[in-house]
């Protein structure tokens, strides 16, 4: 019963977040954002743009890792996320994980 509740909550949250982020046609992304992104990440592949609230979010792959960057309308990056492999984690994090 507990697992069923957790799964229900997870799907509800996933659905709620997908409502707020809207996929965009790259042609509709302001040129200053695309230029800043392409200048910073020329090796990016599988690039997808979304409107996330008042921010533009770009998801992409680079060096086999997933990345996400949120841009303000003026072209400045306001938030970033990057997938890490276990080997890239700091030793203190690895120790904490293995201890728990």
N, C-alpha and C. Protein backbone atom coordinates (compact mmCIF):
# COMPACT_ATOMS: atom_id res chain seq x y z
N UNK A 1 0.82 -1.19 0.00
CA UNK A 1 0.00 0.00 0.00
C UNK A 1 0.87 1.26 0.00
N UNK A 2 1.96 1.23 0.80
CA UNK A 2 2.85 2.39 0.87
C UNK A 2 3.50 2.67 -0.49
N UNK A 3 3.98 1.60 -1.17
CA UNK A 3 4.59 1.77 -2.49
C UNK A 3 3.60 2.32 -3.50
N UNK A 4 2.35 1.89 -3.39
CA UNK A 4 1.33 2.37 -4.31
C UNK A 4 1.11 3.87 -4.14
N UNK A 5 1.12 4.34 -2.90
CA UNK A 5 0.96 5.77 -2.63
C UNK A 5 2.14 6.56 -3.17
N UNK A 6 3.33 6.03 -3.00
CA UNK A 6 4.53 6.71 -3.49
C UNK A 6 4.49 6.81 -5.02
N UNK A 7 4.10 5.75 -5.67
CA UNK A 7 4.01 5.76 -7.13
C UNK A 7 2.96 6.76 -7.59
N UNK A 8 1.83 6.80 -6.91
CA UNK A 8 0.78 7.75 -7.26
C UNK A 8 1.26 9.18 -7.13
N UNK A 9 1.94 9.49 -6.03
CA UNK A 9 2.47 10.84 -5.82
C UNK A 9 3.51 11.18 -6.89
N UNK A 10 4.37 10.23 -7.21
CA UNK A 10 5.41 10.47 -8.22
C UNK A 10 4.79 10.80 -9.58
N UNK A 11 3.79 10.05 -9.99
CA UNK A 11 3.15 10.32 -11.28
C UNK A 11 2.39 11.64 -11.27
N UNK A 12 1.80 11.98 -10.13
CA UNK A 12 1.10 13.25 -10.02
C UNK A 12 2.07 14.41 -10.17
N UNK A 13 3.21 14.34 -9.48
CA UNK A 13 4.22 15.39 -9.59
C UNK A 13 4.79 15.48 -11.00
N UNK A 14 5.04 14.36 -11.61
CA UNK A 14 5.56 14.34 -12.97
C UNK A 14 4.58 15.01 -13.92
N UNK A 15 3.31 14.71 -13.77
CA UNK A 15 2.29 15.32 -14.61
C UNK A 15 2.20 16.82 -14.38
N UNK A 16 2.30 17.24 -13.12
CA UNK A 16 2.22 18.67 -12.80
C UNK A 16 3.39 19.43 -13.41
N UNK A 17 4.59 18.88 -13.31
CA UNK A 17 5.76 19.55 -13.86
C UNK A 17 5.72 19.59 -15.38
N UNK A 18 5.18 18.58 -16.00
CA UNK A 18 5.13 18.58 -17.47
C UNK A 18 4.13 19.61 -17.99
N UNK A 19 3.15 19.99 -17.17
CA UNK A 19 2.20 21.03 -17.57
C UNK A 19 2.89 22.39 -17.62
N UNK A 20 3.78 22.65 -16.67
CA UNK A 20 4.42 23.96 -16.57
C UNK A 20 5.49 24.17 -17.64
N UNK A 21 6.15 23.13 -18.06
CA UNK A 21 7.20 23.26 -19.07
C UNK A 21 6.61 22.95 -20.44
N UNK A 22 6.74 23.87 -21.36
CA UNK A 22 6.17 23.71 -22.69
C UNK A 22 7.28 23.61 -23.73
N UNK A 23 7.28 22.52 -24.50
CA UNK A 23 8.26 22.37 -25.57
C UNK A 23 8.11 23.51 -26.57
N UNK A 24 9.24 23.95 -27.10
CA UNK A 24 9.24 25.07 -28.04
C UNK A 24 9.91 24.66 -29.35
N UNK A 25 9.45 25.25 -30.39
CA UNK A 25 10.12 25.15 -31.67
C UNK A 25 11.37 26.02 -31.56
N UNK A 26 12.55 25.51 -31.92
CA UNK A 26 13.79 26.31 -31.81
C UNK A 26 13.72 27.65 -32.54
N UNK A 27 12.87 27.74 -33.56
CA UNK A 27 12.73 29.01 -34.28
C UNK A 27 12.07 30.09 -33.44
N UNK A 28 11.36 29.68 -32.38
CA UNK A 28 10.67 30.63 -31.51
C UNK A 28 11.50 31.08 -30.31
N UNK A 29 12.71 30.52 -30.17
CA UNK A 29 13.61 30.91 -29.08
C UNK A 29 14.32 32.20 -29.49
N UNK A 30 14.35 33.20 -28.60
CA UNK A 30 15.04 34.46 -28.95
C UNK A 30 16.48 34.21 -29.40
N UNK A 31 16.90 34.94 -30.41
CA UNK A 31 18.21 34.71 -31.02
C UNK A 31 19.35 34.92 -30.03
N UNK A 32 19.22 35.88 -29.09
CA UNK A 32 20.30 36.10 -28.12
C UNK A 32 20.50 34.87 -27.22
N UNK A 33 19.42 34.18 -26.90
CA UNK A 33 19.54 32.96 -26.08
C UNK A 33 20.23 31.85 -26.86
N UNK A 34 19.79 31.65 -28.09
CA UNK A 34 20.41 30.61 -28.91
C UNK A 34 21.88 30.89 -29.15
N UNK A 35 22.23 32.16 -29.39
CA UNK A 35 23.63 32.51 -29.63
C UNK A 35 24.47 32.27 -28.38
N UNK A 36 23.98 32.69 -27.22
CA UNK A 36 24.73 32.45 -25.96
C UNK A 36 24.92 30.96 -25.74
N UNK A 37 23.86 30.19 -25.97
CA UNK A 37 23.96 28.74 -25.78
C UNK A 37 24.96 28.12 -26.75
N UNK A 38 24.84 28.43 -28.04
CA UNK A 38 25.71 27.84 -29.04
C UNK A 38 27.17 28.24 -28.84
N UNK A 39 27.40 29.46 -28.35
CA UNK A 39 28.76 29.91 -28.08
C UNK A 39 29.36 29.15 -26.90
N UNK A 40 28.55 28.90 -25.87
CA UNK A 40 29.04 28.21 -24.68
C UNK A 40 29.13 26.70 -24.85
N UNK A 41 28.25 26.13 -25.69
CA UNK A 41 28.18 24.68 -25.83
C UNK A 41 28.12 24.26 -27.29
N UNK A 42 29.19 24.51 -28.04
CA UNK A 42 29.16 24.19 -29.48
C UNK A 42 29.09 22.69 -29.76
N UNK A 43 29.46 21.85 -28.80
CA UNK A 43 29.44 20.40 -29.00
C UNK A 43 28.13 19.75 -28.56
N UNK A 44 27.15 20.54 -28.16
CA UNK A 44 25.88 20.00 -27.67
C UNK A 44 25.14 19.25 -28.77
N UNK A 45 24.50 18.15 -28.37
CA UNK A 45 23.68 17.37 -29.29
C UNK A 45 22.31 17.17 -28.65
N UNK A 46 21.35 16.74 -29.44
CA UNK A 46 20.00 16.44 -28.98
C UNK A 46 19.42 17.61 -28.17
N UNK A 47 19.48 18.80 -28.74
CA UNK A 47 19.07 20.04 -28.07
C UNK A 47 17.56 20.20 -28.14
N UNK A 48 16.93 20.45 -26.98
CA UNK A 48 15.49 20.68 -26.90
C UNK A 48 15.24 21.91 -26.05
N UNK A 49 14.43 22.83 -26.54
CA UNK A 49 14.08 24.06 -25.82
C UNK A 49 12.68 23.94 -25.26
N UNK A 50 12.49 24.52 -24.06
CA UNK A 50 11.19 24.57 -23.41
C UNK A 50 10.99 25.94 -22.78
N UNK A 51 9.75 26.31 -22.61
CA UNK A 51 9.41 27.49 -21.83
C UNK A 51 9.02 26.96 -20.46
N UNK A 52 9.72 27.40 -19.42
CA UNK A 52 9.48 26.92 -18.06
C UNK A 52 9.14 28.13 -17.20
N UNK A 53 7.86 28.42 -17.07
CA UNK A 53 7.45 29.63 -16.36
C UNK A 53 7.88 30.84 -17.17
N UNK A 54 8.71 31.70 -16.58
CA UNK A 54 9.22 32.88 -17.26
C UNK A 54 10.61 32.65 -17.84
N UNK A 55 11.13 31.44 -17.70
CA UNK A 55 12.49 31.11 -18.15
C UNK A 55 12.46 30.22 -19.38
N UNK A 56 13.52 30.30 -20.14
CA UNK A 56 13.75 29.40 -21.26
C UNK A 56 14.69 28.31 -20.77
N UNK A 57 14.30 27.06 -20.99
CA UNK A 57 15.10 25.94 -20.54
C UNK A 57 15.58 25.17 -21.76
N UNK A 58 16.86 24.84 -21.77
CA UNK A 58 17.40 24.03 -22.85
C UNK A 58 17.97 22.75 -22.24
N UNK A 59 17.56 21.62 -22.82
CA UNK A 59 18.07 20.31 -22.42
C UNK A 59 18.93 19.81 -23.56
N UNK A 60 20.08 19.24 -23.23
CA UNK A 60 20.97 18.75 -24.28
C UNK A 60 21.92 17.71 -23.74
N UNK A 61 22.55 17.00 -24.64
CA UNK A 61 23.57 16.01 -24.30
C UNK A 61 24.92 16.53 -24.73
N UNK A 62 25.93 16.22 -23.92
CA UNK A 62 27.30 16.56 -24.27
C UNK A 62 28.21 15.60 -23.52
N UNK A 63 29.12 14.99 -24.24
CA UNK A 63 30.05 14.01 -23.66
C UNK A 63 29.30 12.91 -22.91
N UNK A 64 28.21 12.45 -23.50
CA UNK A 64 27.39 11.37 -22.96
C UNK A 64 26.68 11.72 -21.65
N UNK A 65 26.66 12.97 -21.26
CA UNK A 65 25.96 13.41 -20.06
C UNK A 65 24.82 14.35 -20.44
N UNK A 66 23.75 14.28 -19.65
CA UNK A 66 22.62 15.17 -19.87
C UNK A 66 22.84 16.48 -19.12
N UNK A 67 22.44 17.58 -19.74
CA UNK A 67 22.58 18.91 -19.15
C UNK A 67 21.26 19.65 -19.29
N UNK A 68 21.02 20.59 -18.37
CA UNK A 68 19.87 21.48 -18.46
C UNK A 68 20.33 22.87 -18.03
N UNK A 69 19.90 23.88 -18.78
CA UNK A 69 20.24 25.26 -18.43
C UNK A 69 18.98 26.10 -18.57
N UNK A 70 18.75 26.96 -17.59
CA UNK A 70 17.65 27.91 -17.63
C UNK A 70 18.21 29.28 -17.92
N UNK A 71 17.59 29.98 -18.86
CA UNK A 71 18.02 31.33 -19.25
C UNK A 71 16.92 32.34 -18.95
N UNK A 72 17.32 33.50 -18.47
CA UNK A 72 16.40 34.63 -18.37
C UNK A 72 16.24 35.21 -19.77
N UNK A 73 15.25 36.05 -19.95
CA UNK A 73 14.99 36.60 -21.28
C UNK A 73 16.13 37.48 -21.79
N UNK A 74 16.99 37.98 -20.89
CA UNK A 74 18.12 38.80 -21.34
C UNK A 74 19.32 37.96 -21.78
N UNK A 75 19.21 36.63 -21.70
CA UNK A 75 20.26 35.74 -22.18
C UNK A 75 21.22 35.23 -21.12
N UNK A 76 21.03 35.64 -19.87
CA UNK A 76 21.92 35.15 -18.81
C UNK A 76 21.41 33.82 -18.27
N UNK A 77 22.34 32.92 -18.01
CA UNK A 77 22.01 31.63 -17.42
C UNK A 77 21.69 31.84 -15.94
N UNK A 78 20.55 31.33 -15.51
CA UNK A 78 20.13 31.51 -14.12
C UNK A 78 20.23 30.23 -13.30
N UNK A 79 20.30 29.09 -13.98
CA UNK A 79 20.37 27.81 -13.27
C UNK A 79 20.92 26.76 -14.23
N UNK A 80 21.70 25.84 -13.70
CA UNK A 80 22.22 24.74 -14.52
C UNK A 80 22.13 23.43 -13.75
N UNK A 81 21.97 22.36 -14.47
CA UNK A 81 22.03 21.01 -13.92
C UNK A 81 22.85 20.16 -14.88
N UNK A 82 23.62 19.26 -14.30
CA UNK A 82 24.45 18.38 -15.12
C UNK A 82 24.46 17.00 -14.51
N UNK A 83 24.24 16.01 -15.34
CA UNK A 83 24.31 14.63 -14.90
C UNK A 83 25.77 14.26 -14.64
N UNK A 84 26.02 13.56 -13.55
CA UNK A 84 27.37 13.12 -13.22
C UNK A 84 27.42 11.60 -13.16
N UNK A 85 28.54 11.04 -13.54
CA UNK A 85 28.75 9.62 -13.34
C UNK A 85 29.24 9.42 -11.91
N UNK A 86 29.18 8.21 -11.46
CA UNK A 86 29.64 7.91 -10.10
C UNK A 86 31.13 8.27 -9.94
N UNK A 87 31.91 8.05 -10.98
CA UNK A 87 33.34 8.35 -10.93
C UNK A 87 33.60 9.85 -10.76
N UNK A 88 32.66 10.71 -11.19
CA UNK A 88 32.84 12.15 -11.11
C UNK A 88 32.43 12.73 -9.75
N UNK A 89 31.80 11.92 -8.92
CA UNK A 89 31.38 12.41 -7.60
C UNK A 89 32.58 12.64 -6.68
N UNK A 90 32.53 13.67 -5.84
CA UNK A 90 33.60 13.87 -4.86
C UNK A 90 33.66 12.69 -3.89
N UNK A 91 34.84 12.42 -3.39
CA UNK A 91 35.03 11.27 -2.50
C UNK A 91 34.14 11.35 -1.26
N UNK A 92 33.93 12.54 -0.71
CA UNK A 92 33.08 12.67 0.48
C UNK A 92 31.64 12.23 0.19
N UNK A 93 31.16 12.49 -1.00
CA UNK A 93 29.82 12.05 -1.39
C UNK A 93 29.79 10.53 -1.53
N UNK A 94 30.81 9.97 -2.16
CA UNK A 94 30.87 8.51 -2.32
C UNK A 94 30.90 7.83 -0.95
N UNK A 95 31.66 8.39 -0.02
CA UNK A 95 31.75 7.83 1.33
C UNK A 95 30.41 7.89 2.02
N UNK A 96 29.73 9.01 1.93
CA UNK A 96 28.42 9.16 2.56
C UNK A 96 27.40 8.18 1.98
N UNK A 97 27.45 7.98 0.67
CA UNK A 97 26.52 7.04 0.04
C UNK A 97 26.80 5.61 0.48
N UNK A 98 28.06 5.23 0.49
CA UNK A 98 28.39 3.86 0.88
C UNK A 98 28.11 3.61 2.36
N UNK A 99 28.15 4.67 3.18
CA UNK A 99 27.85 4.52 4.61
C UNK A 99 26.37 4.38 4.90
N UNK A 100 25.56 4.80 3.96
CA UNK A 100 24.11 4.72 4.16
C UNK A 100 23.53 3.65 3.29
